[in-house]
Amino acid sequence: QVQLVESGGGLVQPGGSLRLSCGASGFTLDYYAIGWFRQAPGKEREGVSCISSSGTTYYADSVKGRFTISRDNAKKTVYLQMNSLKPEDTGLYYCARNKGRYCAAALDRTNYVHWGQGTQVTVSS
């Protein structure tokens, strides 16, 4: 069955970096766009970034210039490199499989049908 497993979260100081990984199994990663979302306590889950099957990328305004999404289809993994982290980046980060190849409505969670369990990112001094 379709599985997505996130890893790489942790505690980091403001200004620091983390790289999240999303391992995919049970489907051909090459054919799908993958998105990253996050949810802070008491807040709605929000879209962070998306990468299409061809490598086109999309970012929320709040992370543009700081986060970079990439994919390695051979390794069945999608990455989220997060630099210059801020306390407001704290949350549970999820990866999700889009309904198709493209990041249509890239940051709208209703376009995603399979989700991982999440990895916690905490930015604090």
N, C-alpha and C. Protein backbone atom coordinates (compact mmCIF):
# COMPACT_ATOMS: atom_id res chain seq x y z
N GLN A 1 0.84 -1.19 0.00
CA GLN A 1 0.00 0.00 0.00
C GLN A 1 0.88 1.24 0.00
N VAL A 2 0.25 2.38 -0.32
CA VAL A 2 0.99 3.64 -0.37
C VAL A 2 1.45 4.00 1.05
N GLN A 3 2.74 4.30 1.14
CA GLN A 3 3.29 4.76 2.42
C GLN A 3 4.23 5.92 2.20
N LEU A 4 4.14 6.89 3.10
CA LEU A 4 5.05 8.03 3.13
C LEU A 4 5.59 8.13 4.55
N VAL A 5 6.91 8.21 4.67
CA VAL A 5 7.52 8.25 5.99
C VAL A 5 8.47 9.44 6.07
N GLU A 6 8.16 10.36 6.98
CA GLU A 6 9.00 11.54 7.15
C GLU A 6 10.08 11.28 8.20
N SER A 7 11.21 11.97 8.03
CA SER A 7 12.29 11.90 9.01
C SER A 7 13.11 13.17 8.92
N GLY A 8 13.97 13.38 9.93
CA GLY A 8 14.88 14.51 9.89
C GLY A 8 14.52 15.68 10.78
N GLY A 9 13.37 15.59 11.44
CA GLY A 9 12.98 16.67 12.34
C GLY A 9 13.85 16.71 13.58
N GLY A 10 13.67 17.75 14.38
CA GLY A 10 14.43 17.87 15.61
C GLY A 10 14.33 19.26 16.19
N LEU A 11 15.18 19.50 17.19
CA LEU A 11 15.25 20.81 17.85
C LEU A 11 16.44 21.57 17.28
N VAL A 12 16.20 22.80 16.87
CA VAL A 12 17.26 23.61 16.27
C VAL A 12 17.10 25.05 16.76
N GLN A 13 18.21 25.75 16.86
CA GLN A 13 18.17 27.15 17.28
C GLN A 13 17.73 28.04 16.11
N PRO A 14 17.15 29.19 16.41
CA PRO A 14 16.82 30.14 15.34
C PRO A 14 18.04 30.44 14.49
N GLY A 15 17.82 30.47 13.18
CA GLY A 15 18.91 30.67 12.24
C GLY A 15 19.55 29.39 11.77
N GLY A 16 19.19 28.29 12.39
CA GLY A 16 19.77 27.00 12.03
C GLY A 16 19.10 26.36 10.84
N SER A 17 19.54 25.13 10.53
CA SER A 17 19.05 24.40 9.35
C SER A 17 18.67 22.97 9.72
N LEU A 18 17.75 22.43 8.96
CA LEU A 18 17.38 21.03 9.04
C LEU A 18 17.04 20.57 7.62
N ARG A 19 17.25 19.27 7.36
CA ARG A 19 16.78 18.69 6.11
C ARG A 19 15.82 17.56 6.42
N LEU A 20 14.59 17.72 5.97
CA LEU A 20 13.59 16.67 6.13
C LEU A 20 13.60 15.75 4.92
N SER A 21 13.30 14.48 5.17
CA SER A 21 13.19 13.50 4.10
C SER A 21 11.81 12.87 4.13
N CYS A 22 11.32 12.52 2.96
CA CYS A 22 10.03 11.83 2.83
C CYS A 22 10.26 10.60 1.97
N GLY A 23 10.28 9.44 2.59
CA GLY A 23 10.48 8.19 1.87
C GLY A 23 9.16 7.64 1.38
N ALA A 24 9.12 7.27 0.10
CA ALA A 24 7.87 6.81 -0.52
C ALA A 24 7.97 5.33 -0.88
N SER A 25 6.86 4.62 -0.70
CA SER A 25 6.79 3.22 -1.10
C SER A 25 5.36 2.87 -1.47
N GLY A 26 5.20 1.80 -2.23
CA GLY A 26 3.87 1.34 -2.61
C GLY A 26 3.30 2.01 -3.85
N PHE A 27 4.08 2.90 -4.49
CA PHE A 27 3.65 3.55 -5.73
C PHE A 27 4.90 4.07 -6.44
N THR A 28 4.73 4.47 -7.70
CA THR A 28 5.85 4.99 -8.49
C THR A 28 5.96 6.49 -8.25
N LEU A 29 6.95 6.87 -7.48
CA LEU A 29 7.11 8.28 -7.10
C LEU A 29 7.20 9.19 -8.32
N ASP A 30 7.82 8.70 -9.40
CA ASP A 30 8.05 9.52 -10.60
C ASP A 30 6.77 10.16 -11.14
N TYR A 31 5.63 9.53 -10.89
CA TYR A 31 4.39 9.94 -11.53
C TYR A 31 3.59 10.96 -10.74
N TYR A 32 4.09 11.35 -9.57
CA TYR A 32 3.27 12.19 -8.68
C TYR A 32 4.02 13.41 -8.16
N ALA A 33 3.23 14.48 -7.99
CA ALA A 33 3.72 15.63 -7.25
C ALA A 33 3.65 15.32 -5.75
N ILE A 34 4.58 15.87 -5.01
CA ILE A 34 4.64 15.67 -3.56
C ILE A 34 4.67 17.03 -2.87
N GLY A 35 3.92 17.14 -1.80
CA GLY A 35 3.89 18.38 -1.06
C GLY A 35 4.35 18.21 0.38
N TRP A 36 4.78 19.32 0.95
CA TRP A 36 5.11 19.38 2.39
C TRP A 36 4.12 20.35 3.05
N PHE A 37 3.61 19.94 4.19
CA PHE A 37 2.70 20.75 4.97
C PHE A 37 3.21 20.80 6.41
N ARG A 38 2.70 21.73 7.18
CA ARG A 38 3.06 21.78 8.59
C ARG A 38 1.85 22.22 9.41
N GLN A 39 1.89 21.81 10.67
CA GLN A 39 0.80 22.18 11.58
C GLN A 39 1.37 22.52 12.94
N ALA A 40 1.13 23.75 13.36
CA ALA A 40 1.54 24.18 14.69
C ALA A 40 0.38 23.92 15.66
N PRO A 41 0.67 23.78 16.95
CA PRO A 41 -0.39 23.53 17.93
C PRO A 41 -1.48 24.60 17.85
N GLY A 42 -2.72 24.17 17.77
CA GLY A 42 -3.84 25.09 17.75
C GLY A 42 -4.07 25.80 16.44
N LYS A 43 -3.32 25.41 15.41
CA LYS A 43 -3.46 26.07 14.10
C LYS A 43 -3.84 25.07 13.03
N GLU A 44 -4.34 25.60 11.92
CA GLU A 44 -4.68 24.76 10.78
C GLU A 44 -3.40 24.25 10.11
N ARG A 45 -3.53 23.07 9.47
CA ARG A 45 -2.42 22.57 8.67
C ARG A 45 -2.26 23.47 7.45
N GLU A 46 -1.03 23.89 7.18
CA GLU A 46 -0.79 24.81 6.07
C GLU A 46 0.23 24.24 5.09
N GLY A 47 0.05 24.58 3.83
CA GLY A 47 0.97 24.13 2.80
C GLY A 47 2.27 24.90 2.86
N VAL A 48 3.36 24.20 2.69
CA VAL A 48 4.69 24.80 2.73
C VAL A 48 5.33 24.82 1.34
N SER A 49 5.28 23.67 0.65
CA SER A 49 5.96 23.56 -0.64
C SER A 49 5.42 22.37 -1.40
N CYS A 50 5.64 22.40 -2.71
CA CYS A 50 5.25 21.28 -3.57
C CYS A 50 6.27 21.15 -4.69
N ILE A 51 6.49 19.91 -5.13
CA ILE A 51 7.35 19.67 -6.28
C ILE A 51 6.60 18.75 -7.23
N SER A 52 6.50 19.15 -8.49
CA SER A 52 5.79 18.34 -9.47
C SER A 52 6.64 17.15 -9.91
N SER A 53 6.05 16.27 -10.70
CA SER A 53 6.78 15.10 -11.17
C SER A 53 7.97 15.50 -12.04
N SER A 54 7.89 16.66 -12.70
CA SER A 54 8.98 17.12 -13.56
C SER A 54 9.97 18.01 -12.83
N GLY A 55 9.69 18.31 -11.56
CA GLY A 55 10.64 19.09 -10.76
C GLY A 55 10.29 20.56 -10.59
N THR A 56 9.16 21.00 -11.11
CA THR A 56 8.72 22.38 -10.87
C THR A 56 8.36 22.54 -9.40
N THR A 57 8.79 23.67 -8.82
CA THR A 57 8.60 23.84 -7.38
C THR A 57 7.70 25.04 -7.06
N TYR A 58 7.04 24.94 -5.90
CA TYR A 58 6.16 26.00 -5.41
C TYR A 58 6.41 26.15 -3.92
N TYR A 59 6.31 27.41 -3.44
CA TYR A 59 6.56 27.66 -2.03
C TYR A 59 5.53 28.64 -1.46
N ALA A 60 5.23 28.45 -0.20
CA ALA A 60 4.45 29.46 0.51
C ALA A 60 5.32 30.71 0.66
N ASP A 61 4.68 31.87 0.67
CA ASP A 61 5.44 33.12 0.78
C ASP A 61 6.29 33.14 2.04
N SER A 62 5.80 32.53 3.09
CA SER A 62 6.49 32.56 4.38
C SER A 62 7.83 31.82 4.38
N VAL A 63 8.05 30.95 3.38
CA VAL A 63 9.29 30.16 3.37
C VAL A 63 10.15 30.41 2.13
N LYS A 64 9.65 31.22 1.21
CA LYS A 64 10.41 31.49 -0.02
C LYS A 64 11.78 32.07 0.31
N GLY A 65 12.79 31.54 -0.36
CA GLY A 65 14.15 32.02 -0.13
C GLY A 65 14.85 31.33 1.02
N ARG A 66 14.10 30.57 1.83
CA ARG A 66 14.71 29.87 2.96
C ARG A 66 14.61 28.35 2.83
N PHE A 67 13.54 27.87 2.24
CA PHE A 67 13.32 26.43 2.09
C PHE A 67 13.53 26.03 0.63
N THR A 68 14.03 24.81 0.43
CA THR A 68 14.20 24.26 -0.91
C THR A 68 13.69 22.83 -0.93
N ILE A 69 12.77 22.55 -1.85
CA ILE A 69 12.25 21.20 -2.02
C ILE A 69 12.96 20.56 -3.20
N SER A 70 13.23 19.26 -3.08
CA SER A 70 13.87 18.52 -4.17
C SER A 70 13.42 17.07 -4.12
N ARG A 71 13.72 16.35 -5.18
CA ARG A 71 13.32 14.94 -5.21
C ARG A 71 14.41 14.10 -5.86
N ASP A 72 14.50 12.86 -5.41
CA ASP A 72 15.40 11.87 -5.99
C ASP A 72 14.56 10.63 -6.24
N ASN A 73 14.04 10.52 -7.46
CA ASN A 73 13.13 9.41 -7.76
C ASN A 73 13.80 8.05 -7.63
N ALA A 74 15.09 7.99 -7.94
CA ALA A 74 15.81 6.72 -7.82
C ALA A 74 15.85 6.25 -6.37
N LYS A 75 15.95 7.20 -5.45
CA LYS A 75 15.97 6.85 -4.03
C LYS A 75 14.57 6.88 -3.42
N LYS A 76 13.57 7.20 -4.24
CA LYS A 76 12.17 7.25 -3.78
C LYS A 76 12.02 8.19 -2.59
N THR A 77 12.67 9.35 -2.69
CA THR A 77 12.70 10.28 -1.57
C THR A 77 12.52 11.72 -2.05
N VAL A 78 11.76 12.48 -1.27
CA VAL A 78 11.62 13.92 -1.48
C VAL A 78 12.19 14.62 -0.25
N TYR A 79 12.90 15.70 -0.49
CA TYR A 79 13.58 16.41 0.60
C TYR A 79 13.03 17.81 0.77
N LEU A 80 13.15 18.33 1.98
CA LEU A 80 12.86 19.73 2.26
C LEU A 80 14.04 20.28 3.06
N GLN A 81 14.87 21.07 2.38
CA GLN A 81 15.99 21.73 3.05
C GLN A 81 15.47 23.03 3.64
N MET A 82 15.64 23.19 4.94
CA MET A 82 15.12 24.36 5.64
C MET A 82 16.29 25.13 6.26
N ASN A 83 16.49 26.34 5.80
CA ASN A 83 17.57 27.20 6.30
C ASN A 83 16.99 28.43 6.97
N SER A 84 17.81 29.12 7.73
CA SER A 84 17.40 30.36 8.41
C SER A 84 16.09 30.15 9.16
N LEU A 85 16.03 29.08 9.91
CA LEU A 85 14.78 28.72 10.59
C LEU A 85 14.41 29.75 11.65
N LYS A 86 13.10 29.94 11.79
CA LYS A 86 12.53 30.90 12.73
C LYS A 86 11.63 30.15 13.71
N PRO A 87 11.38 30.71 14.88
CA PRO A 87 10.47 30.06 15.83
C PRO A 87 9.10 29.77 15.23
N GLU A 88 8.65 30.63 14.33
CA GLU A 88 7.33 30.41 13.72
C GLU A 88 7.31 29.25 12.72
N ASP A 89 8.46 28.67 12.43
CA ASP A 89 8.52 27.47 11.60
C ASP A 89 8.25 26.20 12.41
N THR A 90 8.13 26.35 13.70
CA THR A 90 7.87 25.19 14.57
C THR A 90 6.55 24.53 14.22
N GLY A 91 6.57 23.19 14.18
CA GLY A 91 5.35 22.45 13.90
C GLY A 91 5.63 21.02 13.52
N LEU A 92 4.56 20.29 13.31
CA LEU A 92 4.66 18.92 12.82
C LEU A 92 4.62 18.99 11.30
N TYR A 93 5.66 18.47 10.66
CA TYR A 93 5.79 18.56 9.21
C TYR A 93 5.38 17.23 8.57
N TYR A 94 4.50 17.33 7.59
CA TYR A 94 4.00 16.16 6.88
C TYR A 94 4.36 16.25 5.40
N CYS A 95 4.62 15.10 4.79
CA CYS A 95 4.65 15.06 3.34
C CYS A 95 3.39 14.34 2.87
N ALA A 96 2.99 14.64 1.64
CA ALA A 96 1.75 14.08 1.12
C ALA A 96 1.85 13.91 -0.38
N ARG A 97 1.15 12.92 -0.90
CA ARG A 97 1.13 12.67 -2.33
C ARG A 97 -0.05 13.39 -2.97
N ASN A 98 0.27 14.19 -4.00
CA ASN A 98 -0.77 14.89 -4.74
C ASN A 98 -1.60 13.90 -5.54
N LYS A 99 -2.77 14.34 -5.97
CA LYS A 99 -3.63 13.47 -6.78
C LYS A 99 -3.00 13.17 -8.13
N GLY A 100 -2.12 14.02 -8.62
CA GLY A 100 -1.54 13.83 -9.94
C GLY A 100 -0.11 14.30 -10.03
N ARG A 101 0.33 14.55 -11.27
CA ARG A 101 1.72 14.92 -11.54
C ARG A 101 2.04 16.37 -11.20
N TYR A 102 1.02 17.22 -11.22
CA TYR A 102 1.28 18.64 -11.14
C TYR A 102 0.88 19.20 -9.78
N CYS A 103 1.48 20.33 -9.46
CA CYS A 103 1.17 20.98 -8.20
C CYS A 103 0.02 21.96 -8.39
N ALA A 104 -1.07 21.47 -8.99
CA ALA A 104 -2.24 22.32 -9.13
C ALA A 104 -2.78 22.65 -7.74
N ALA A 105 -3.05 23.94 -7.52
CA ALA A 105 -3.45 24.36 -6.16
C ALA A 105 -2.49 23.75 -5.15
N ALA A 106 -1.21 24.03 -5.39
CA ALA A 106 -0.11 23.32 -4.73
C ALA A 106 -0.20 23.25 -3.22
N LEU A 107 -0.75 24.28 -2.61
CA LEU A 107 -0.72 24.33 -1.16
C LEU A 107 -2.09 24.05 -0.54
N ASP A 108 -2.99 23.53 -1.35
CA ASP A 108 -4.34 23.19 -0.88
C ASP A 108 -4.37 21.71 -0.49
N ARG A 109 -4.53 21.45 0.76
CA ARG A 109 -4.42 20.07 1.25
C ARG A 109 -5.49 19.15 0.68
N THR A 110 -6.58 19.69 0.16
CA THR A 110 -7.62 18.83 -0.40
C THR A 110 -7.16 18.16 -1.70
N ASN A 111 -6.04 18.60 -2.27
CA ASN A 111 -5.51 17.97 -3.48
C ASN A 111 -4.56 16.83 -3.19
N TYR A 112 -4.43 16.47 -1.93
CA TYR A 112 -3.49 15.42 -1.53
C TYR A 112 -4.27 14.27 -0.89
N VAL A 113 -3.88 13.05 -1.26
CA VAL A 113 -4.71 11.92 -0.84
C VAL A 113 -4.01 10.93 0.07
N HIS A 114 -2.69 11.01 0.17
CA HIS A 114 -1.97 10.12 1.07
C HIS A 114 -1.00 10.96 1.89
N TRP A 115 -0.96 10.68 3.19
CA TRP A 115 -0.17 11.49 4.11
C TRP A 115 0.73 10.60 4.96
N GLY A 116 1.89 11.16 5.32
CA GLY A 116 2.73 10.49 6.29
C GLY A 116 2.28 10.82 7.70
N GLN A 117 3.04 10.33 8.68
CA GLN A 117 2.69 10.53 10.09
C GLN A 117 3.27 11.82 10.65
N GLY A 118 4.22 12.40 9.96
CA GLY A 118 4.78 13.67 10.39
C GLY A 118 6.09 13.54 11.16
N THR A 119 6.88 14.61 11.13
CA THR A 119 8.11 14.70 11.91
C THR A 119 8.13 16.08 12.57
N GLN A 120 8.48 16.12 13.85
CA GLN A 120 8.40 17.36 14.62
C GLN A 120 9.63 18.23 14.37
N VAL A 121 9.36 19.50 14.11
CA VAL A 121 10.43 20.50 13.99
C VAL A 121 10.17 21.56 15.06
N THR A 122 11.16 21.79 15.90
CA THR A 122 11.05 22.80 16.94
C THR A 122 12.21 23.77 16.81
N VAL A 123 11.87 25.05 16.64
CA VAL A 123 12.91 26.08 16.51
C VAL A 123 12.85 26.95 17.77
N SER A 124 13.86 26.83 18.59
CA SER A 124 13.85 27.52 19.88
C SER A 124 15.27 27.68 20.39
N SER A 125 15.49 28.76 21.11
CA SER A 125 16.80 28.97 21.75
C SER A 125 16.77 28.44 23.18
